[in-house]
Amino acid sequence: MIAELSGSENIKIRRRLGDLGFTEGQNVRLVRKSLLGKVYLIELRGYTLSVRKDILKAVLVK
């Protein structure tokens, strides 16, 4: 479950994550991690997203 979107230093990333469905209280599931650990497959709201690790640092999960 997403607890909070941080990353106030880059409002564009925070806004884009919100547009993709990353909102507080939303359930997420890690599907897979790339071999080098730089890209993650995240299941959210019934669809799967490929997101870079540096962008996911703005998402706090409970």
Protein backbone atom coordinates (compact mmCIF):
# COMPACT_ATOMS: atom_id res chain seq x y z
CA MET A 1 0.00 0.00 0.00
CA ILE A 2 1.37 3.42 -0.92
CA ALA A 3 1.83 5.52 2.20
CA GLU A 4 3.10 8.73 0.61
CA LEU A 5 4.66 10.27 -2.47
CA SER A 6 7.76 12.19 -1.49
CA GLY A 7 10.31 13.83 -3.73
CA SER A 8 9.26 17.43 -3.40
CA GLU A 9 12.56 18.40 -5.05
CA ASN A 10 11.20 17.19 -8.40
CA ILE A 11 7.52 18.05 -8.69
CA LYS A 12 7.40 16.77 -12.30
CA ILE A 13 8.18 13.21 -11.22
CA ARG A 14 5.67 13.38 -8.37
CA ARG A 15 2.95 14.70 -10.70
CA ARG A 16 3.70 12.02 -13.33
CA LEU A 17 3.52 9.24 -10.72
CA GLY A 18 0.14 10.58 -9.66
CA ASP A 19 -1.01 10.57 -13.29
CA LEU A 20 0.05 6.91 -13.57
CA GLY A 21 -2.06 5.97 -10.55
CA PHE A 22 0.45 6.14 -7.72
CA THR A 23 -1.83 7.65 -5.08
CA GLU A 24 -1.89 7.29 -1.31
CA GLY A 25 -3.73 4.18 -0.13
CA GLN A 26 -3.37 2.36 -3.46
CA ASN A 27 -2.17 -1.26 -3.34
CA VAL A 28 0.96 -2.07 -5.34
CA ARG A 29 2.85 -5.29 -5.96
CA LEU A 30 6.41 -5.83 -7.10
CA VAL A 31 6.21 -8.27 -10.01
CA ARG A 32 9.84 -8.44 -11.05
CA LYS A 33 13.19 -6.72 -10.79
CA SER A 34 15.69 -6.46 -13.65
CA LEU A 35 19.00 -8.29 -13.45
CA LEU A 36 20.93 -5.12 -12.69
CA GLY A 37 18.23 -3.89 -10.30
CA LYS A 38 17.66 -0.61 -12.14
CA VAL A 39 14.15 -1.30 -13.45
CA TYR A 40 11.15 -2.73 -11.59
CA LEU A 41 7.87 -4.14 -12.86
CA ILE A 42 5.09 -2.86 -10.62
CA GLU A 43 1.47 -4.03 -10.69
CA LEU A 44 -0.91 -1.19 -9.90
CA ARG A 45 -4.66 -0.78 -10.48
CA GLY A 46 -4.81 -3.86 -12.69
CA TYR A 47 -1.96 -2.98 -15.04
CA THR A 48 1.80 -3.47 -15.01
CA LEU A 49 4.32 -0.63 -15.21
CA SER A 50 8.03 -0.65 -15.83
CA VAL A 51 9.61 2.01 -13.60
CA ARG A 52 13.23 2.97 -12.97
CA LYS A 53 14.60 2.60 -9.45
CA ASP A 54 15.53 6.29 -9.13
CA ILE A 55 11.91 7.29 -9.82
CA LEU A 56 10.53 4.74 -7.34
CA LYS A 57 12.57 6.35 -4.56
CA ALA A 58 9.77 8.95 -4.40
CA VAL A 59 7.22 6.28 -3.40
CA LEU A 60 6.95 5.28 0.26
CA VAL A 61 5.23 1.92 0.80
CA LYS A 62 3.77 0.49 4.01
